[in-house]
């Protein structure tokens, strides 16, 4: 496993905290995989900025979370 730079560690920690706060504020108790997936998406956003591909990942993950945790299938 490659060693992360100090900057990458800070970005990861910040995005991980943001993901934890988001789930907590929404009343969701996610499993570890979902925390990891959400953190990965947010780290990609923080490092690379917004893109069409990232928007698709956001949308798919949000739909997945709505279905899994809120029993709310959205079109």
PDB file of N, CA and C in Angstrom:
ATOM      1  N   UNK A   1       0.846  -1.166   0.000  1.00  0.00           N
ATOM      2  CA  UNK A   1       0.000   0.000   0.000  1.00  0.00           C
ATOM      3  C   UNK A   1       0.896   1.235   0.000  1.00  0.00           C
ATOM      4  N   UNK A   2       0.607   2.170  -0.884  1.00  0.00           N
ATOM      5  CA  UNK A   2       1.399   3.386  -0.988  1.00  0.00           C
ATOM      6  C   UNK A   2       1.141   4.296   0.212  1.00  0.00           C
ATOM      7  N   UNK A   3       2.195   4.932   0.661  1.00  0.00           N
ATOM      8  CA  UNK A   3       2.092   5.868   1.781  1.00  0.00           C
ATOM      9  C   UNK A   3       1.448   7.164   1.291  1.00  0.00           C
ATOM     10  N   UNK A   4       0.475   7.660   2.025  1.00  0.00           N
ATOM     11  CA  UNK A   4      -0.190   8.911   1.666  1.00  0.00           C
ATOM     12  C   UNK A   4       0.647  10.087   2.142  1.00  0.00           C
ATOM     13  N   UNK A   5       0.599  11.145   1.342  1.00  0.00           N
ATOM     14  CA  UNK A   5       1.260  12.376   1.764  1.00  0.00           C
ATOM     15  C   UNK A   5       0.462  12.987   2.903  1.00  0.00           C
ATOM     16  N   UNK A   6       1.061  13.920   3.594  1.00  0.00           N
ATOM     17  CA  UNK A   6       0.380  14.616   4.690  1.00  0.00           C
ATOM     18  C   UNK A   6      -0.882  15.308   4.162  1.00  0.00           C
ATOM     19  N   UNK A   7      -0.793  15.912   2.994  1.00  0.00           N
ATOM     20  CA  UNK A   7      -1.945  16.592   2.392  1.00  0.00           C
ATOM     21  C   UNK A   7      -3.074  15.598   2.092  1.00  0.00           C
ATOM     22  N   UNK A   8      -2.718  14.443   1.546  1.00  0.00           N
ATOM     23  CA  UNK A   8      -3.726  13.417   1.253  1.00  0.00           C
ATOM     24  C   UNK A   8      -4.373  12.905   2.538  1.00  0.00           C
ATOM     25  N   UNK A   9      -3.581  12.760   3.590  1.00  0.00           N
ATOM     26  CA  UNK A   9      -4.125  12.321   4.872  1.00  0.00           C
ATOM     27  C   UNK A   9      -5.121  13.333   5.421  1.00  0.00           C
ATOM     28  N   UNK A  10      -4.804  14.616   5.289  1.00  0.00           N
ATOM     29  CA  UNK A  10      -5.701  15.663   5.768  1.00  0.00           C
ATOM     30  C   UNK A  10      -6.996  15.664   4.966  1.00  0.00           C
ATOM     31  N   UNK A  11      -6.893  15.547   3.641  1.00  0.00           N
ATOM     32  CA  UNK A  11      -8.090  15.501   2.794  1.00  0.00           C
ATOM     33  C   UNK A  11      -8.950  14.305   3.182  1.00  0.00           C
ATOM     34  N   UNK A  12      -8.334  13.144   3.348  1.00  0.00           N
ATOM     35  CA  UNK A  12      -9.072  11.946   3.720  1.00  0.00           C
ATOM     36  C   UNK A  12      -9.773  12.123   5.063  1.00  0.00           C
ATOM     37  N   UNK A  13      -9.061  12.639   6.052  1.00  0.00           N
ATOM     38  CA  UNK A  13      -9.648  12.834   7.380  1.00  0.00           C
ATOM     39  C   UNK A  13     -10.810  13.816   7.332  1.00  0.00           C
ATOM     40  N   UNK A  14     -10.631  14.917   6.597  1.00  0.00           N
ATOM     41  CA  UNK A  14     -11.706  15.908   6.493  1.00  0.00           C
ATOM     42  C   UNK A  14     -12.942  15.332   5.815  1.00  0.00           C
ATOM     43  N   UNK A  15     -12.734  14.604   4.737  1.00  0.00           N
ATOM     44  CA  UNK A  15     -13.873  14.042   4.005  1.00  0.00           C
ATOM     45  C   UNK A  15     -14.531  12.923   4.803  1.00  0.00           C
ATOM     46  N   UNK A  16     -13.727  12.153   5.520  1.00  0.00           N
ATOM     47  CA  UNK A  16     -14.279  11.105   6.374  1.00  0.00           C
ATOM     48  C   UNK A  16     -15.171  11.707   7.461  1.00  0.00           C
ATOM     49  N   UNK A  17     -14.704  12.805   8.041  1.00  0.00           N
ATOM     50  CA  UNK A  17     -15.497  13.491   9.063  1.00  0.00           C
ATOM     51  C   UNK A  17     -16.792  14.041   8.457  1.00  0.00           C
ATOM     52  N   UNK A  18     -16.704  14.619   7.278  1.00  0.00           N
ATOM     53  CA  UNK A  18     -17.884  15.150   6.601  1.00  0.00           C
ATOM     54  C   UNK A  18     -18.909  14.045   6.319  1.00  0.00           C
ATOM     55  N   UNK A  19     -18.436  12.898   5.865  1.00  0.00           N
ATOM     56  CA  UNK A  19     -19.322  11.758   5.594  1.00  0.00           C
ATOM     57  C   UNK A  19     -20.000  11.296   6.880  1.00  0.00           C
ATOM     58  N   UNK A  20     -19.228  11.178   7.943  1.00  0.00           N
ATOM     59  CA  UNK A  20     -19.784  10.768   9.241  1.00  0.00           C
ATOM     60  C   UNK A  20     -20.856  11.753   9.696  1.00  0.00           C
ATOM     61  N   UNK A  21     -20.588  13.053   9.571  1.00  0.00           N
ATOM     62  CA  UNK A  21     -21.551  14.077   9.975  1.00  0.00           C
ATOM     63  C   UNK A  21     -22.812  14.012   9.113  1.00  0.00           C
ATOM     64  N   UNK A  22     -22.632  13.814   7.810  1.00  0.00           N
ATOM     65  CA  UNK A  22     -23.773  13.722   6.904  1.00  0.00           C
ATOM     66  C   UNK A  22     -24.692  12.567   7.313  1.00  0.00           C
ATOM     67  N   UNK A  23     -24.113  11.383   7.480  1.00  0.00           N
ATOM     68  CA  UNK A  23     -24.928  10.231   7.862  1.00  0.00           C
ATOM     69  C   UNK A  23     -25.609  10.467   9.209  1.00  0.00           C
ATOM     70  N   UNK A  24     -24.873  11.010  10.155  1.00  0.00           N
ATOM     71  CA  UNK A  24     -25.428  11.284  11.475  1.00  0.00           C
ATOM     72  C   UNK A  24     -26.583  12.287  11.383  1.00  0.00           C
ATOM     73  N   UNK A  25     -26.390  13.372  10.650  1.00  0.00           N
ATOM     74  CA  UNK A  25     -27.428  14.395  10.505  1.00  0.00           C
ATOM     75  C   UNK A  25     -28.678  13.855   9.813  1.00  0.00           C
ATOM     76  N   UNK A  26     -28.486  12.870   8.945  1.00  0.00           N
ATOM     77  CA  UNK A  26     -29.618  12.275   8.223  1.00  0.00           C
ATOM     78  C   UNK A  26     -30.252  11.115   8.988  1.00  0.00           C
ATOM     79  N   UNK A  27     -29.694  10.784  10.152  1.00  0.00           N
ATOM     80  CA  UNK A  27     -30.246   9.693  10.944  1.00  0.00           C
ATOM     81  C   UNK A  27     -29.967   8.320  10.363  1.00  0.00           C
ATOM     82  N   UNK A  28     -28.849   8.197   9.679  1.00  0.00           N
ATOM     83  CA  UNK A  28     -28.478   6.931   9.035  1.00  0.00           C
ATOM     84  C   UNK A  28     -27.297   6.323   9.778  1.00  0.00           C
ATOM     85  N   UNK A  29     -27.396   5.021  10.071  1.00  0.00           N
ATOM     86  CA  UNK A  29     -26.287   4.288  10.672  1.00  0.00           C
ATOM     87  C   UNK A  29     -25.734   3.341   9.594  1.00  0.00           C
ATOM     88  N   UNK A  30     -24.792   3.831   8.788  1.00  0.00           N
ATOM     89  CA  UNK A  30     -24.314   3.042   7.646  1.00  0.00           C
ATOM     90  C   UNK A  30     -23.382   1.911   8.069  1.00  0.00           C
ATOM     91  N   UNK A  31     -23.261   0.924   7.189  1.00  0.00           N
ATOM     92  CA  UNK A  31     -22.260  -0.103   7.446  1.00  0.00           C
ATOM     93  C   UNK A  31     -20.894   0.430   6.998  1.00  0.00           C
ATOM     94  N   UNK A  32     -19.851  -0.266   7.353  1.00  0.00           N
ATOM     95  CA  UNK A  32     -18.494   0.219   7.085  1.00  0.00           C
ATOM     96  C   UNK A  32     -18.217   0.390   5.597  1.00  0.00           C
ATOM     97  N   UNK A  33     -18.739  -0.501   4.771  1.00  0.00           N
ATOM     98  CA  UNK A  33     -18.519  -0.384   3.336  1.00  0.00           C
ATOM     99  C   UNK A  33     -19.110   0.914   2.800  1.00  0.00           C
ATOM    100  N   UNK A  34     -20.301   1.278   3.270  1.00  0.00           N
ATOM    101  CA  UNK A  34     -20.932   2.504   2.794  1.00  0.00           C
ATOM    102  C   UNK A  34     -20.177   3.742   3.261  1.00  0.00           C
ATOM    103  N   UNK A  35     -19.607   3.691   4.450  1.00  0.00           N
ATOM    104  CA  UNK A  35     -18.761   4.802   4.909  1.00  0.00           C
ATOM    105  C   UNK A  35     -17.545   4.923   3.988  1.00  0.00           C
ATOM    106  N   UNK A  36     -16.933   3.794   3.670  1.00  0.00           N
ATOM    107  CA  UNK A  36     -15.755   3.800   2.795  1.00  0.00           C
ATOM    108  C   UNK A  36     -16.108   4.309   1.397  1.00  0.00           C
ATOM    109  N   UNK A  37     -17.233   3.858   0.855  1.00  0.00           N
ATOM    110  CA  UNK A  37     -17.638   4.307  -0.478  1.00  0.00           C
ATOM    111  C   UNK A  37     -17.917   5.802  -0.505  1.00  0.00           C
ATOM    112  N   UNK A  38     -18.641   6.289   0.482  1.00  0.00           N
ATOM    113  CA  UNK A  38     -18.960   7.713   0.543  1.00  0.00           C
ATOM    114  C   UNK A  38     -17.683   8.541   0.715  1.00  0.00           C
ATOM    115  N   UNK A  39     -16.781   8.074   1.550  1.00  0.00           N
ATOM    116  CA  UNK A  39     -15.525   8.791   1.763  1.00  0.00           C
ATOM    117  C   UNK A  39     -14.711   8.830   0.477  1.00  0.00           C
ATOM    118  N   UNK A  40     -14.664   7.711  -0.243  1.00  0.00           N
ATOM    119  CA  UNK A  40     -13.935   7.656  -1.508  1.00  0.00           C
ATOM    120  C   UNK A  40     -14.495   8.675  -2.507  1.00  0.00           C
ATOM    121  N   UNK A  41     -15.812   8.760  -2.595  1.00  0.00           N
ATOM    122  CA  UNK A  41     -16.443   9.726  -3.507  1.00  0.00           C
ATOM    123  C   UNK A  41     -16.084  11.151  -3.090  1.00  0.00           C
ATOM    124  N   UNK A  42     -16.151  11.441  -1.811  1.00  0.00           N
ATOM    125  CA  UNK A  42     -15.872  12.791  -1.334  1.00  0.00           C
ATOM    126  C   UNK A  42     -14.396  13.154  -1.487  1.00  0.00           C
ATOM    127  N   UNK A  43     -13.494  12.205  -1.290  1.00  0.00           N
ATOM    128  CA  UNK A  43     -12.067  12.464  -1.501  1.00  0.00           C
ATOM    129  C   UNK A  43     -11.826  12.768  -2.977  1.00  0.00           C
ATOM    130  N   UNK A  44     -12.449  11.995  -3.856  1.00  0.00           N
ATOM    131  CA  UNK A  44     -12.306  12.258  -5.290  1.00  0.00           C
ATOM    132  C   UNK A  44     -12.794  13.673  -5.617  1.00  0.00           C
ATOM    133  N   UNK A  45     -13.918  14.072  -5.032  1.00  0.00           N
ATOM    134  CA  UNK A  45     -14.443  15.419  -5.250  1.00  0.00           C
ATOM    135  C   UNK A  45     -13.465  16.480  -4.742  1.00  0.00           C
ATOM    136  N   UNK A  46     -12.917  16.278  -3.557  1.00  0.00           N
ATOM    137  CA  UNK A  46     -11.997  17.257  -2.966  1.00  0.00           C
ATOM    138  C   UNK A  46     -10.715  17.395  -3.780  1.00  0.00           C
ATOM    139  N   UNK A  47     -10.237  16.294  -4.336  1.00  0.00           N
ATOM    140  CA  UNK A  47      -8.975  16.314  -5.076  1.00  0.00           C
ATOM    141  C   UNK A  47      -9.159  16.752  -6.528  1.00  0.00           C
ATOM    142  N   UNK A  48     -10.190  16.229  -7.184  1.00  0.00           N
ATOM    143  CA  UNK A  48     -10.340  16.444  -8.625  1.00  0.00           C
ATOM    144  C   UNK A  48     -11.393  17.470  -9.004  1.00  0.00           C
ATOM    145  N   UNK A  49     -12.259  17.812  -8.072  1.00  0.00           N
ATOM    146  CA  UNK A  49     -13.346  18.725  -8.412  1.00  0.00           C
ATOM    147  C   UNK A  49     -14.508  17.973  -9.023  1.00  0.00           C
ATOM    148  N   UNK A  50     -15.517  18.723  -9.393  1.00  0.00           N
ATOM    149  CA  UNK A  50     -16.752  18.124  -9.900  1.00  0.00           C
ATOM    150  C   UNK A  50     -16.599  17.762 -11.368  1.00  0.00           C
ATOM    151  N   UNK A  51     -17.191  16.645 -11.766  1.00  0.00           N
ATOM    152  CA  UNK A  51     -17.166  16.199 -13.156  1.00  0.00           C
ATOM    153  C   UNK A  51     -18.451  15.429 -13.453  1.00  0.00           C
ATOM    154  N   UNK A  52     -18.677  15.166 -14.710  1.00  0.00           N
ATOM    155  CA  UNK A  52     -19.857  14.404 -15.116  1.00  0.00           C
ATOM    156  C   UNK A  52     -19.817  13.002 -14.497  1.00  0.00           C
ATOM    157  N   UNK A  53     -18.647  12.371 -14.524  1.00  0.00           N
ATOM    158  CA  UNK A  53     -18.483  11.040 -13.942  1.00  0.00           C
ATOM    159  C   UNK A  53     -18.763  11.056 -12.439  1.00  0.00           C
ATOM    160  N   UNK A  54     -18.249  12.079 -11.769  1.00  0.00           N
ATOM    161  CA  UNK A  54     -18.452  12.170 -10.323  1.00  0.00           C
ATOM    162  C   UNK A  54     -19.919  12.428  -9.992  1.00  0.00           C
ATOM    163  N   UNK A  55     -20.592  13.250 -10.797  1.00  0.00           N
ATOM    164  CA  UNK A  55     -22.016  13.495 -10.578  1.00  0.00           C
ATOM    165  C   UNK A  55     -22.795  12.186 -10.673  1.00  0.00           C
ATOM    166  N   UNK A  56     -22.424  11.353 -11.622  1.00  0.00           N
ATOM    167  CA  UNK A  56     -23.074  10.050 -11.766  1.00  0.00           C
ATOM    168  C   UNK A  56     -22.827   9.178 -10.542  1.00  0.00           C
ATOM    169  N   UNK A  57     -21.605   9.201 -10.025  1.00  0.00           N
ATOM    170  CA  UNK A  57     -21.295   8.433  -8.807  1.00  0.00           C
ATOM    171  C   UNK A  57     -22.096   8.955  -7.623  1.00  0.00           C
ATOM    172  N   UNK A  58     -22.166  10.296  -7.473  1.00  0.00           N
ATOM    173  CA  UNK A  58     -22.975  10.905  -6.413  1.00  0.00           C
ATOM    174  C   UNK A  58     -24.428  10.441  -6.524  1.00  0.00           C
ATOM    175  N   UNK A  59     -24.990  10.579  -7.725  1.00  0.00           N
ATOM    176  CA  UNK A  59     -26.401  10.234  -7.935  1.00  0.00           C
ATOM    177  C   UNK A  59     -26.668   8.766  -7.623  1.00  0.00           C
ATOM    178  N   UNK A  60     -25.796   7.885  -8.114  1.00  0.00           N
ATOM    179  CA  UNK A  60     -25.978   6.453  -7.877  1.00  0.00           C
ATOM    180  C   UNK A  60     -25.855   6.113  -6.390  1.00  0.00           C
ATOM    181  N   UNK A  61     -24.899   6.730  -5.711  1.00  0.00           N
ATOM    182  CA  UNK A  61     -24.722   6.451  -4.285  1.00  0.00           C
ATOM    183  C   UNK A  61     -25.897   6.986  -3.478  1.00  0.00           C
ATOM    184  N   UNK A  62     -26.388   8.180  -3.837  1.00  0.00           N
ATOM    185  CA  UNK A  62     -27.531   8.750  -3.131  1.00  0.00           C
ATOM    186  C   UNK A  62     -28.765   7.868  -3.310  1.00  0.00           C
ATOM    187  N   UNK A  63     -28.983   7.400  -4.529  1.00  0.00           N
ATOM    188  CA  UNK A  63     -30.121   6.516  -4.796  1.00  0.00           C
ATOM    189  C   UNK A  63     -29.980   5.221  -3.987  1.00  0.00           C
ATOM    190  N   UNK A  64     -28.788   4.658  -3.984  1.00  0.00           N
ATOM    191  CA  UNK A  64     -28.506   3.442  -3.235  1.00  0.00           C
ATOM    192  C   UNK A  64     -28.789   3.643  -1.746  1.00  0.00           C
ATOM    193  N   UNK A  65     -28.311   4.767  -1.181  1.00  0.00           N
ATOM    194  CA  UNK A  65     -28.532   5.051   0.246  1.00  0.00           C
ATOM    195  C   UNK A  65     -30.012   5.249   0.547  1.00  0.00           C
ATOM    196  N   UNK A  66     -30.712   5.956  -0.323  1.00  0.00           N
ATOM    197  CA  UNK A  66     -32.151   6.167  -0.115  1.00  0.00           C
ATOM    198  C   UNK A  66     -32.890   4.836  -0.079  1.00  0.00           C
ATOM    199  N   UNK A  67     -32.542   3.945  -0.999  1.00  0.00           N
ATOM    200  CA  UNK A  67     -33.208   2.644  -1.052  1.00  0.00           C
ATOM    201  C   UNK A  67     -32.830   1.772   0.143  1.00  0.00           C
ATOM    202  N   UNK A  68     -31.550   1.781   0.510  1.00  0.00           N
ATOM    203  CA  UNK A  68     -31.078   0.892   1.568  1.00  0.00           C
ATOM    204  C   UNK A  68     -31.476   1.369   2.960  1.00  0.00           C
ATOM    205  N   UNK A  69     -31.355   2.657   3.216  1.00  0.00           N
ATOM    206  CA  UNK A  69     -31.533   3.166   4.565  1.00  0.00           C
ATOM    207  C   UNK A  69     -32.862   3.875   4.813  1.00  0.00           C
ATOM    208  N   UNK A  70     -33.487   4.336   3.754  1.00  0.00           N
ATOM    209  CA  UNK A  70     -34.732   5.093   3.959  1.00  0.00           C
ATOM    210  C   UNK A  70     -35.927   4.461   3.276  1.00  0.00           C
ATOM    211  N   UNK A  71     -35.717   3.293   2.663  1.00  0.00           N
ATOM    212  CA  UNK A  71     -36.788   2.603   1.944  1.00  0.00           C
ATOM    213  C   UNK A  71     -37.523   3.569   1.028  1.00  0.00           C
ATOM    214  N   UNK A  72     -36.761   4.377   0.308  1.00  0.00           N
ATOM    215  CA  UNK A  72     -37.306   5.422  -0.546  1.00  0.00           C
ATOM    216  C   UNK A  72     -36.755   5.282  -1.964  1.00  0.00           C
ATOM    217  N   UNK A  73     -37.317   4.366  -2.748  1.00  0.00           N
ATOM    218  CA  UNK A  73     -36.826   4.225  -4.125  1.00  0.00           C
ATOM    219  C   UNK A  73     -37.204   5.458  -4.936  1.00  0.00           C
ATOM    220  N   UNK A  74     -36.209   6.152  -5.425  1.00  0.00           N
ATOM    221  CA  UNK A  74     -36.439   7.334  -6.249  1.00  0.00           C
ATOM    222  C   UNK A  74     -36.137   6.988  -7.695  1.00  0.00           C
ATOM    223  N   UNK A  75     -36.861   7.598  -8.597  1.00  0.00           N
ATOM    224  CA  UNK A  75     -36.621   7.307 -10.039  1.00  0.00           C
ATOM    225  C   UNK A  75     -35.281   7.772 -10.506  1.00  0.00           C
TER     226      UNK A  75
END
